[in-house]
């Protein structure tokens, strides 16, 4: 398998504990996508009934692969330029708490 190495912001913390990628308040997806154009939701979030049993990649730190929220001050050409982000539940959705309107 070929691998690429890229620099991207780290998902420092995620409190969406019902997500299949969440283990111990950490995101273990290779990378997440944020947003749907206006809402800074975590598009990688998916609910599972037993999240502790699904995070097989524990130890991996997730990054932000893309951000589709063009009006975020950290968005440059649909890539996140924040040093790190935090994801948490807001209005029953997993959202990027680092989002700041331009």
PDB file of N, CA and C in Angstrom:
ATOM      1  N   UNK A   1       0.837  -1.172   0.000  1.00  0.00           N
ATOM      2  CA  UNK A   1       0.000   0.000   0.000  1.00  0.00           C
ATOM      3  C   UNK A   1       0.885   1.238   0.000  1.00  0.00           C
ATOM      4  N   UNK A   2       0.577   2.167  -0.879  1.00  0.00           N
ATOM      5  CA  UNK A   2       1.303   3.433  -0.913  1.00  0.00           C
ATOM      6  C   UNK A   2       0.738   4.365   0.149  1.00  0.00           C
ATOM      7  N   UNK A   3       1.588   5.187   0.723  1.00  0.00           N
ATOM      8  CA  UNK A   3       1.185   6.146   1.740  1.00  0.00           C
ATOM      9  C   UNK A   3       1.648   7.537   1.331  1.00  0.00           C
ATOM     10  N   UNK A   4       0.880   8.538   1.744  1.00  0.00           N
ATOM     11  CA  UNK A   4       1.303   9.918   1.580  1.00  0.00           C
ATOM     12  C   UNK A   4       1.349  10.556   2.957  1.00  0.00           C
ATOM     13  N   UNK A   5       2.169  11.530   3.096  1.00  0.00           N
ATOM     14  CA  UNK A   5       2.255  12.240   4.362  1.00  0.00           C
ATOM     15  C   UNK A   5       1.939  13.698   4.100  1.00  0.00           C
ATOM     16  N   UNK A   6       0.934  14.202   4.809  1.00  0.00           N
ATOM     17  CA  UNK A   6       0.562  15.599   4.663  1.00  0.00           C
ATOM     18  C   UNK A   6       0.431  16.230   6.037  1.00  0.00           C
ATOM     19  N   UNK A   7       0.589  17.526   6.087  1.00  0.00           N
ATOM     20  CA  UNK A   7       0.438  18.262   7.340  1.00  0.00           C
ATOM     21  C   UNK A   7      -0.971  18.828   7.368  1.00  0.00           C
ATOM     22  N   UNK A   8      -1.696  18.522   8.444  1.00  0.00           N
ATOM     23  CA  UNK A   8      -3.049  19.037   8.616  1.00  0.00           C
ATOM     24  C   UNK A   8      -3.309  19.291  10.090  1.00  0.00           C
ATOM     25  N   UNK A   9      -4.299  20.131  10.407  1.00  0.00           N
ATOM     26  CA  UNK A   9      -4.620  20.413  11.804  1.00  0.00           C
ATOM     27  C   UNK A   9      -5.077  19.139  12.523  1.00  0.00           C
ATOM     28  N   UNK A  10      -4.702  19.022  13.755  1.00  0.00           N
ATOM     29  CA  UNK A  10      -5.077  17.877  14.585  1.00  0.00           C
ATOM     30  C   UNK A  10      -6.463  18.085  15.196  1.00  0.00           C
ATOM     31  N   UNK A  11      -7.229  17.009  15.301  1.00  0.00           N
ATOM     32  CA  UNK A  11      -8.468  17.028  16.082  1.00  0.00           C
ATOM     33  C   UNK A  11      -8.024  16.749  17.515  1.00  0.00           C
ATOM     34  N   UNK A  12      -7.888  17.816  18.295  1.00  0.00           N
ATOM     35  CA  UNK A  12      -7.348  17.703  19.656  1.00  0.00           C
ATOM     36  C   UNK A  12      -8.275  16.933  20.576  1.00  0.00           C
ATOM     37  N   UNK A  13      -9.579  17.154  20.420  1.00  0.00           N
ATOM     38  CA  UNK A  13     -10.553  16.506  21.291  1.00  0.00           C
ATOM     39  C   UNK A  13     -11.872  16.392  20.562  1.00  0.00           C
ATOM     40  N   UNK A  14     -12.595  15.310  20.871  1.00  0.00           N
ATOM     41  CA  UNK A  14     -13.942  15.140  20.330  1.00  0.00           C
ATOM     42  C   UNK A  14     -14.822  14.525  21.407  1.00  0.00           C
ATOM     43  N   UNK A  15     -15.887  15.225  21.765  1.00  0.00           N
ATOM     44  CA  UNK A  15     -16.788  14.718  22.805  1.00  0.00           C
ATOM     45  C   UNK A  15     -18.000  14.000  22.223  1.00  0.00           C
ATOM     46  N   UNK A  16     -17.991  13.718  20.923  1.00  0.00           N
ATOM     47  CA  UNK A  16     -19.092  12.975  20.283  1.00  0.00           C
ATOM     48  C   UNK A  16     -18.865  11.488  20.526  1.00  0.00           C
ATOM     49  N   UNK A  17     -19.116  11.058  21.761  1.00  0.00           N
ATOM     50  CA  UNK A  17     -18.775   9.706  22.174  1.00  0.00           C
ATOM     51  C   UNK A  17     -19.585   8.606  21.497  1.00  0.00           C
ATOM     52  N   UNK A  18     -20.663   8.944  20.834  1.00  0.00           N
ATOM     53  CA  UNK A  18     -21.442   7.922  20.137  1.00  0.00           C
ATOM     54  C   UNK A  18     -20.942   7.687  18.714  1.00  0.00           C
ATOM     55  N   UNK A  19     -19.861   8.345  18.333  1.00  0.00           N
ATOM     56  CA  UNK A  19     -19.286   8.189  16.993  1.00  0.00           C
ATOM     57  C   UNK A  19     -18.414   6.939  16.939  1.00  0.00           C
ATOM     58  N   UNK A  20     -18.446   6.257  15.825  1.00  0.00           N
ATOM     59  CA  UNK A  20     -17.634   5.067  15.642  1.00  0.00           C
ATOM     60  C   UNK A  20     -16.137   5.321  15.673  1.00  0.00           C
ATOM     61  N   UNK A  21     -15.714   6.553  15.436  1.00  0.00           N
ATOM     62  CA  UNK A  21     -14.291   6.890  15.460  1.00  0.00           C
ATOM     63  C   UNK A  21     -13.839   7.439  16.813  1.00  0.00           C
ATOM     64  N   UNK A  22     -14.750   7.568  17.791  1.00  0.00           N
ATOM     65  CA  UNK A  22     -14.412   8.177  19.074  1.00  0.00           C
ATOM     66  C   UNK A  22     -14.011   7.116  20.089  1.00  0.00           C
ATOM     67  N   UNK A  23     -12.917   7.360  20.770  1.00  0.00           N
ATOM     68  CA  UNK A  23     -12.470   6.517  21.877  1.00  0.00           C
ATOM     69  C   UNK A  23     -11.776   7.415  22.876  1.00  0.00           C
ATOM     70  N   UNK A  24     -12.285   7.432  24.102  1.00  0.00           N
ATOM     71  CA  UNK A  24     -11.681   8.239  25.172  1.00  0.00           C
ATOM     72  C   UNK A  24     -11.557   9.716  24.797  1.00  0.00           C
ATOM     73  N   UNK A  25     -12.607  10.277  24.209  1.00  0.00           N
ATOM     74  CA  UNK A  25     -12.677  11.678  23.799  1.00  0.00           C
ATOM     75  C   UNK A  25     -11.675  12.036  22.709  1.00  0.00           C
ATOM     76  N   UNK A  26     -11.225  11.046  21.977  1.00  0.00           N
ATOM     77  CA  UNK A  26     -10.309  11.292  20.876  1.00  0.00           C
ATOM     78  C   UNK A  26     -10.891  10.763  19.579  1.00  0.00           C
ATOM     79  N   UNK A  27     -10.555  11.400  18.482  1.00  0.00           N
ATOM     80  CA  UNK A  27     -10.996  10.961  17.162  1.00  0.00           C
ATOM     81  C   UNK A  27      -9.870  10.133  16.545  1.00  0.00           C
ATOM     82  N   UNK A  28     -10.238   8.966  16.024  1.00  0.00           N
ATOM     83  CA  UNK A  28      -9.233   8.068  15.477  1.00  0.00           C
ATOM     84  C   UNK A  28      -9.440   7.772  14.000  1.00  0.00           C
ATOM     85  N   UNK A  29     -10.236   8.623  13.322  1.00  0.00           N
ATOM     86  CA  UNK A  29     -10.331   8.532  11.859  1.00  0.00           C
ATOM     87  C   UNK A  29      -9.008   9.044  11.299  1.00  0.00           C
ATOM     88  N   UNK A  30      -8.638   8.610  10.119  1.00  0.00           N
ATOM     89  CA  UNK A  30      -7.399   9.140   9.517  1.00  0.00           C
ATOM     90  C   UNK A  30      -7.520  10.649   9.333  1.00  0.00           C
ATOM     91  N   UNK A  31      -8.671  11.092   8.840  1.00  0.00           N
ATOM     92  CA  UNK A  31      -8.938  12.515   8.644  1.00  0.00           C
ATOM     93  C   UNK A  31     -10.439  12.717   8.642  1.00  0.00           C
ATOM     94  N   UNK A  32     -10.868  13.897   9.051  1.00  0.00           N
ATOM     95  CA  UNK A  32     -12.288  14.224   9.019  1.00  0.00           C
ATOM     96  C   UNK A  32     -12.535  15.344   8.011  1.00  0.00           C
ATOM     97  N   UNK A  33     -13.791  15.457   7.621  1.00  0.00           N
ATOM     98  CA  UNK A  33     -14.245  16.570   6.792  1.00  0.00           C
ATOM     99  C   UNK A  33     -15.214  17.380   7.632  1.00  0.00           C
ATOM    100  N   UNK A  34     -15.065  18.683   7.610  1.00  0.00           N
ATOM    101  CA  UNK A  34     -15.933  19.577   8.374  1.00  0.00           C
ATOM    102  C   UNK A  34     -16.824  20.344   7.416  1.00  0.00           C
ATOM    103  N   UNK A  35     -18.104  20.401   7.736  1.00  0.00           N
ATOM    104  CA  UNK A  35     -19.020  21.316   7.090  1.00  0.00           C
ATOM    105  C   UNK A  35     -19.814  20.826   5.908  1.00  0.00           C
ATOM    106  N   UNK A  36     -20.891  21.567   5.670  1.00  0.00           N
ATOM    107  CA  UNK A  36     -21.768  21.320   4.520  1.00  0.00           C
ATOM    108  C   UNK A  36     -21.954  22.603   3.721  1.00  0.00           C
ATOM    109  N   UNK A  37     -21.056  23.531   3.891  1.00  0.00           N
ATOM    110  CA  UNK A  37     -21.166  24.826   3.220  1.00  0.00           C
ATOM    111  C   UNK A  37     -21.457  25.934   4.205  1.00  0.00           C
ATOM    112  N   UNK A  38     -22.390  25.694   5.140  1.00  0.00           N
ATOM    113  CA  UNK A  38     -22.728  26.710   6.143  1.00  0.00           C
ATOM    114  C   UNK A  38     -22.575  26.184   7.564  1.00  0.00           C
ATOM    115  N   UNK A  39     -22.924  24.949   7.806  1.00  0.00           N
ATOM    116  CA  UNK A  39     -22.869  24.360   9.141  1.00  0.00           C
ATOM    117  C   UNK A  39     -21.505  23.699   9.363  1.00  0.00           C
ATOM    118  N   UNK A  40     -20.799  24.046  10.454  1.00  0.00           N
ATOM    119  CA  UNK A  40     -19.485  23.450  10.698  1.00  0.00           C
ATOM    120  C   UNK A  40     -19.570  22.075  11.360  1.00  0.00           C
ATOM    121  N   UNK A  41     -20.454  21.227  10.869  1.00  0.00           N
ATOM    122  CA  UNK A  41     -20.613  19.889  11.424  1.00  0.00           C
ATOM    123  C   UNK A  41     -19.505  18.961  10.975  1.00  0.00           C
ATOM    124  N   UNK A  42     -19.287  17.911  11.745  1.00  0.00           N
ATOM    125  CA  UNK A  42     -18.306  16.893  11.379  1.00  0.00           C
ATOM    126  C   UNK A  42     -18.993  15.923  10.421  1.00  0.00           C
ATOM    127  N   UNK A  43     -18.659  15.999   9.149  1.00  0.00           N
ATOM    128  CA  UNK A  43     -19.270  15.135   8.145  1.00  0.00           C
ATOM    129  C   UNK A  43     -18.803  13.687   8.265  1.00  0.00           C
ATOM    130  N   UNK A  44     -17.768  13.433   9.042  1.00  0.00           N
ATOM    131  CA  UNK A  44     -17.244  12.084   9.211  1.00  0.00           C
ATOM    132  C   UNK A  44     -17.959  11.350  10.342  1.00  0.00           C
ATOM    133  N   UNK A  45     -18.670  12.076  11.189  1.00  0.00           N
ATOM    134  CA  UNK A  45     -19.400  11.476  12.314  1.00  0.00           C
ATOM    135  C   UNK A  45     -20.404  10.445  11.830  1.00  0.00           C
ATOM    136  N   UNK A  46     -20.432   9.301  12.500  1.00  0.00           N
ATOM    137  CA  UNK A  46     -21.514   8.334  12.307  1.00  0.00           C
ATOM    138  C   UNK A  46     -21.779   7.651  13.638  1.00  0.00           C
ATOM    139  N   UNK A  47     -23.058   7.550  13.994  1.00  0.00           N
ATOM    140  CA  UNK A  47     -23.454   7.007  15.288  1.00  0.00           C
ATOM    141  C   UNK A  47     -23.415   5.483  15.282  1.00  0.00           C
ATOM    142  N   UNK A  48     -22.912   4.924  16.374  1.00  0.00           N
ATOM    143  CA  UNK A  48     -22.909   3.481  16.587  1.00  0.00           C
ATOM    144  C   UNK A  48     -23.430   3.213  17.989  1.00  0.00           C
ATOM    145  N   UNK A  49     -23.985   2.023  18.200  1.00  0.00           N
ATOM    146  CA  UNK A  49     -24.546   1.710  19.514  1.00  0.00           C
ATOM    147  C   UNK A  49     -23.466   1.402  20.547  1.00  0.00           C
ATOM    148  N   UNK A  50     -22.309   0.896  20.140  1.00  0.00           N
ATOM    149  CA  UNK A  50     -21.218   0.574  21.048  1.00  0.00           C
ATOM    150  C   UNK A  50     -19.915   1.138  20.497  1.00  0.00           C
ATOM    151  N   UNK A  51     -19.696   2.452  20.640  1.00  0.00           N
ATOM    152  CA  UNK A  51     -18.515   3.057  20.036  1.00  0.00           C
ATOM    153  C   UNK A  51     -17.194   2.497  20.561  1.00  0.00           C
ATOM    154  N   UNK A  52     -17.168   2.050  21.805  1.00  0.00           N
ATOM    155  CA  UNK A  52     -15.916   1.542  22.367  1.00  0.00           C
ATOM    156  C   UNK A  52     -15.440   0.294  21.627  1.00  0.00           C
ATOM    157  N   UNK A  53     -16.352  -0.432  21.031  1.00  0.00           N
ATOM    158  CA  UNK A  53     -15.986  -1.643  20.328  1.00  0.00           C
ATOM    159  C   UNK A  53     -15.562  -1.428  18.894  1.00  0.00           C
ATOM    160  N   UNK A  54     -15.655  -0.213  18.382  1.00  0.00           N
ATOM    161  CA  UNK A  54     -15.382   0.041  16.973  1.00  0.00           C
ATOM    162  C   UNK A  54     -14.089   0.794  16.681  1.00  0.00           C
ATOM    163  N   UNK A  55     -13.517   1.434  17.664  1.00  0.00           N
ATOM    164  CA  UNK A  55     -12.329   2.258  17.409  1.00  0.00           C
ATOM    165  C   UNK A  55     -11.078   1.382  17.406  1.00  0.00           C
ATOM    166  N   UNK A  56     -10.863   0.683  16.319  1.00  0.00           N
ATOM    167  CA  UNK A  56      -9.732  -0.235  16.210  1.00  0.00           C
ATOM    168  C   UNK A  56      -8.416   0.504  15.974  1.00  0.00           C
ATOM    169  N   UNK A  57      -8.500   1.734  15.592  1.00  0.00           N
ATOM    170  CA  UNK A  57      -7.300   2.509  15.284  1.00  0.00           C
ATOM    171  C   UNK A  57      -6.884   3.396  16.460  1.00  0.00           C
ATOM    172  N   UNK A  58      -7.161   2.951  17.687  1.00  0.00           N
ATOM    173  CA  UNK A  58      -6.800   3.737  18.863  1.00  0.00           C
ATOM    174  C   UNK A  58      -5.300   3.997  18.836  1.00  0.00           C
ATOM    175  N   UNK A  59      -4.933   5.201  19.155  1.00  0.00           N
ATOM    176  CA  UNK A  59      -3.539   5.600  19.103  1.00  0.00           C
ATOM    177  C   UNK A  59      -3.283   6.522  17.919  1.00  0.00           C
ATOM    178  N   UNK A  60      -4.114   6.394  16.892  1.00  0.00           N
ATOM    179  CA  UNK A  60      -3.999   7.285  15.738  1.00  0.00           C
ATOM    180  C   UNK A  60      -4.621   8.620  16.125  1.00  0.00           C
ATOM    181  N   UNK A  61      -4.017   9.706  15.708  1.00  0.00           N
ATOM    182  CA  UNK A  61      -4.575  11.028  15.915  1.00  0.00           C
ATOM    183  C   UNK A  61      -5.152  11.505  14.594  1.00  0.00           C
ATOM    184  N   UNK A  62      -6.369  11.966  14.632  1.00  0.00           N
ATOM    185  CA  UNK A  62      -7.049  12.414  13.418  1.00  0.00           C
ATOM    186  C   UNK A  62      -6.656  13.838  13.056  1.00  0.00           C
ATOM    187  N   UNK A  63      -6.769  14.132  11.783  1.00  0.00           N
ATOM    188  CA  UNK A  63      -6.548  15.481  11.291  1.00  0.00           C
ATOM    189  C   UNK A  63      -7.760  15.960  10.523  1.00  0.00           C
ATOM    190  N   UNK A  64      -7.754  17.221  10.141  1.00  0.00           N
ATOM    191  CA  UNK A  64      -8.835  17.790   9.347  1.00  0.00           C
ATOM    192  C   UNK A  64      -8.385  17.768   7.892  1.00  0.00           C
ATOM    193  N   UNK A  65      -9.014  16.900   7.102  1.00  0.00           N
ATOM    194  CA  UNK A  65      -8.642  16.775   5.706  1.00  0.00           C
ATOM    195  C   UNK A  65      -9.212  17.869   4.833  1.00  0.00           C
ATOM    196  N   UNK A  66     -10.434  18.289   5.130  1.00  0.00           N
ATOM    197  CA  UNK A  66     -11.086  19.331   4.335  1.00  0.00           C
ATOM    198  C   UNK A  66     -12.098  20.060   5.197  1.00  0.00           C
ATOM    199  N   UNK A  67     -12.353  21.312   4.827  1.00  0.00           N
ATOM    200  CA  UNK A  67     -13.390  22.104   5.474  1.00  0.00           C
ATOM    201  C   UNK A  67     -14.202  22.791   4.391  1.00  0.00           C
ATOM    202  N   UNK A  68     -15.502  22.512   4.392  1.00  0.00           N
ATOM    203  CA  UNK A  68     -16.387  23.079   3.370  1.00  0.00           C
ATOM    204  C   UNK A  68     -17.116  24.332   3.838  1.00  0.00           C
ATOM    205  N   UNK A  69     -16.739  24.867   5.010  1.00  0.00           N
ATOM    206  CA  UNK A  69     -17.381  26.072   5.532  1.00  0.00           C
ATOM    207  C   UNK A  69     -16.541  27.278   5.114  1.00  0.00           C
ATOM    208  N   UNK A  70     -16.870  27.823   3.961  1.00  0.00           N
ATOM    209  CA  UNK A  70     -16.060  28.879   3.350  1.00  0.00           C
ATOM    210  C   UNK A  70     -15.986  30.149   4.187  1.00  0.00           C
ATOM    211  N   UNK A  71     -16.978  30.410   5.063  1.00  0.00           N
ATOM    212  CA  UNK A  71     -16.951  31.657   5.826  1.00  0.00           C
ATOM    213  C   UNK A  71     -16.223  31.531   7.168  1.00  0.00           C
ATOM    214  N   UNK A  72     -15.526  30.420   7.389  1.00  0.00           N
ATOM    215  CA  UNK A  72     -14.723  30.286   8.613  1.00  0.00           C
ATOM    216  C   UNK A  72     -13.399  31.015   8.423  1.00  0.00           C
ATOM    217  N   UNK A  73     -12.956  31.711   9.442  1.00  0.00           N
ATOM    218  CA  UNK A  73     -11.716  32.483   9.332  1.00  0.00           C
ATOM    219  C   UNK A  73     -10.493  31.584   9.138  1.00  0.00           C
ATOM    220  N   UNK A  74     -10.597  30.307   9.481  1.00  0.00           N
ATOM    221  CA  UNK A  74      -9.472  29.384   9.321  1.00  0.00           C
ATOM    222  C   UNK A  74      -9.478  28.670   7.970  1.00  0.00           C
ATOM    223  N   UNK A  75     -10.498  28.897   7.165  1.00  0.00           N
ATOM    224  CA  UNK A  75     -10.621  28.210   5.886  1.00  0.00           C
ATOM    225  C   UNK A  75      -9.842  28.940   4.799  1.00  0.00           C
ATOM    226  N   UNK A  76      -8.911  28.230   4.187  1.00  0.00           N
ATOM    227  CA  UNK A  76      -8.177  28.755   3.035  1.00  0.00           C
ATOM    228  C   UNK A  76      -8.267  27.720   1.926  1.00  0.00           C
ATOM    229  N   UNK A  77      -9.009  28.046   0.888  1.00  0.00           N
ATOM    230  CA  UNK A  77      -9.163  27.155  -0.256  1.00  0.00           C
ATOM    231  C   UNK A  77      -9.694  25.783   0.174  1.00  0.00           C
ATOM    232  N   UNK A  78     -10.671  25.793   1.093  1.00  0.00           N
ATOM    233  CA  UNK A  78     -11.355  24.608   1.615  1.00  0.00           C
ATOM    234  C   UNK A  78     -10.454  23.687   2.430  1.00  0.00           C
ATOM    235  N   UNK A  79      -9.390  24.247   2.981  1.00  0.00           N
ATOM    236  CA  UNK A  79      -8.532  23.531   3.910  1.00  0.00           C
ATOM    237  C   UNK A  79      -8.473  24.325   5.217  1.00  0.00           C
ATOM    238  N   UNK A  80      -8.457  23.607   6.330  1.00  0.00           N
ATOM    239  CA  UNK A  80      -8.416  24.240   7.644  1.00  0.00           C
ATOM    240  C   UNK A  80      -6.986  24.634   7.976  1.00  0.00           C
ATOM    241  N   UNK A  81      -6.807  25.879   8.404  1.00  0.00           N
ATOM    242  CA  UNK A  81      -5.490  26.389   8.759  1.00  0.00           C
ATOM    243  C   UNK A  81      -5.339  26.650  10.262  1.00  0.00           C
ATOM    244  N   UNK A  82      -6.317  26.191  11.063  1.00  0.00           N
ATOM    245  CA  UNK A  82      -6.173  26.303  12.515  1.00  0.00           C
ATOM    246  C   UNK A  82      -5.067  25.353  12.967  1.00  0.00           C
ATOM    247  N   UNK A  83      -4.458  25.625  14.092  1.00  0.00           N
ATOM    248  CA  UNK A  83      -3.424  24.728  14.622  1.00  0.00           C
ATOM    249  C   UNK A  83      -4.024  23.387  15.018  1.00  0.00           C
ATOM    250  N   UNK A  84      -5.224  23.430  15.594  1.00  0.00           N
ATOM    251  CA  UNK A  84      -5.946  22.235  16.031  1.00  0.00           C
ATOM    252  C   UNK A  84      -7.406  22.595  16.167  1.00  0.00           C
ATOM    253  N   UNK A  85      -8.273  21.586  16.214  1.00  0.00           N
ATOM    254  CA  UNK A  85      -9.696  21.857  16.396  1.00  0.00           C
ATOM    255  C   UNK A  85     -10.260  20.975  17.509  1.00  0.00           C
ATOM    256  N   UNK A  86     -11.442  21.359  17.975  1.00  0.00           N
ATOM    257  CA  UNK A  86     -12.197  20.588  18.954  1.00  0.00           C
ATOM    258  C   UNK A  86     -13.568  20.327  18.344  1.00  0.00           C
ATOM    259  N   UNK A  87     -14.029  19.089  18.449  1.00  0.00           N
ATOM    260  CA  UNK A  87     -15.362  18.718  17.976  1.00  0.00           C
ATOM    261  C   UNK A  87     -16.203  18.365  19.199  1.00  0.00           C
ATOM    262  N   UNK A  88     -17.435  18.869  19.243  1.00  0.00           N
ATOM    263  CA  UNK A  88     -18.339  18.602  20.366  1.00  0.00           C
ATOM    264  C   UNK A  88     -19.767  18.614  19.866  1.00  0.00           C
ATOM    265  N   UNK A  89     -20.666  18.011  20.653  1.00  0.00           N
ATOM    266  CA  UNK A  89     -22.080  18.039  20.300  1.00  0.00           C
ATOM    267  C   UNK A  89     -22.651  19.420  20.544  1.00  0.00           C
ATOM    268  N   UNK A  90     -23.388  19.914  19.572  1.00  0.00           N
ATOM    269  CA  UNK A  90     -24.095  21.186  19.655  1.00  0.00           C
ATOM    270  C   UNK A  90     -25.377  21.011  18.863  1.00  0.00           C
ATOM    271  N   UNK A  91     -26.513  21.232  19.500  1.00  0.00           N
ATOM    272  CA  UNK A  91     -27.816  21.026  18.850  1.00  0.00           C
ATOM    273  C   UNK A  91     -27.941  19.617  18.283  1.00  0.00           C
ATOM    274  N   UNK A  92     -27.499  18.625  19.066  1.00  0.00           N
ATOM    275  CA  UNK A  92     -27.587  17.202  18.710  1.00  0.00           C
ATOM    276  C   UNK A  92     -26.762  16.822  17.488  1.00  0.00           C
ATOM    277  N   UNK A  93     -25.758  17.632  17.154  1.00  0.00           N
ATOM    278  CA  UNK A  93     -24.868  17.334  16.030  1.00  0.00           C
ATOM    279  C   UNK A  93     -23.428  17.505  16.470  1.00  0.00           C
ATOM    280  N   UNK A  94     -22.536  16.730  15.874  1.00  0.00           N
ATOM    281  CA  UNK A  94     -21.108  16.886  16.138  1.00  0.00           C
ATOM    282  C   UNK A  94     -20.614  18.059  15.306  1.00  0.00           C
ATOM    283  N   UNK A  95     -20.179  19.130  15.963  1.00  0.00           N
ATOM    284  CA  UNK A  95     -19.755  20.346  15.279  1.00  0.00           C
ATOM    285  C   UNK A  95     -18.342  20.748  15.654  1.00  0.00           C
ATOM    286  N   UNK A  96     -17.680  21.431  14.736  1.00  0.00           N
ATOM    287  CA  UNK A  96     -16.359  21.999  14.989  1.00  0.00           C
ATOM    288  C   UNK A  96     -16.535  23.222  15.886  1.00  0.00           C
ATOM    289  N   UNK A  97     -16.012  23.143  17.082  1.00  0.00           N
ATOM    290  CA  UNK A  97     -16.119  24.246  18.033  1.00  0.00           C
ATOM    291  C   UNK A  97     -15.069  25.327  17.794  1.00  0.00           C
ATOM    292  N   UNK A  98     -14.138  25.070  16.901  1.00  0.00           N
ATOM    293  CA  UNK A  98     -13.086  26.019  16.585  1.00  0.00           C
ATOM    294  C   UNK A  98     -13.538  27.005  15.517  1.00  0.00           C
ATOM    295  N   UNK A  99     -14.646  26.700  14.857  1.00  0.00           N
ATOM    296  CA  UNK A  99     -15.200  27.571  13.803  1.00  0.00           C
ATOM    297  C   UNK A  99     -15.369  28.994  14.311  1.00  0.00           C
ATOM    298  N   UNK A 100     -14.898  29.955  13.524  1.00  0.00           N
ATOM    299  CA  UNK A 100     -15.089  31.378  13.811  1.00  0.00           C
ATOM    300  C   UNK A 100     -15.482  32.037  12.481  1.00  0.00           C
ATOM    301  N   UNK A 101     -16.631  32.706  12.493  1.00  0.00           N
ATOM    302  CA  UNK A 101     -17.104  33.412  11.299  1.00  0.00           C
ATOM    303  C   UNK A 101     -16.119  34.520  10.932  1.00  0.00           C
ATOM    304  N   UNK A 102     -15.836  34.679   9.639  1.00  0.00           N
ATOM    305  CA  UNK A 102     -14.936  35.757   9.169  1.00  0.00           C
ATOM    306  C   UNK A 102     -15.543  37.113   9.434  1.00  0.00           C
TER     307      UNK A 102
END
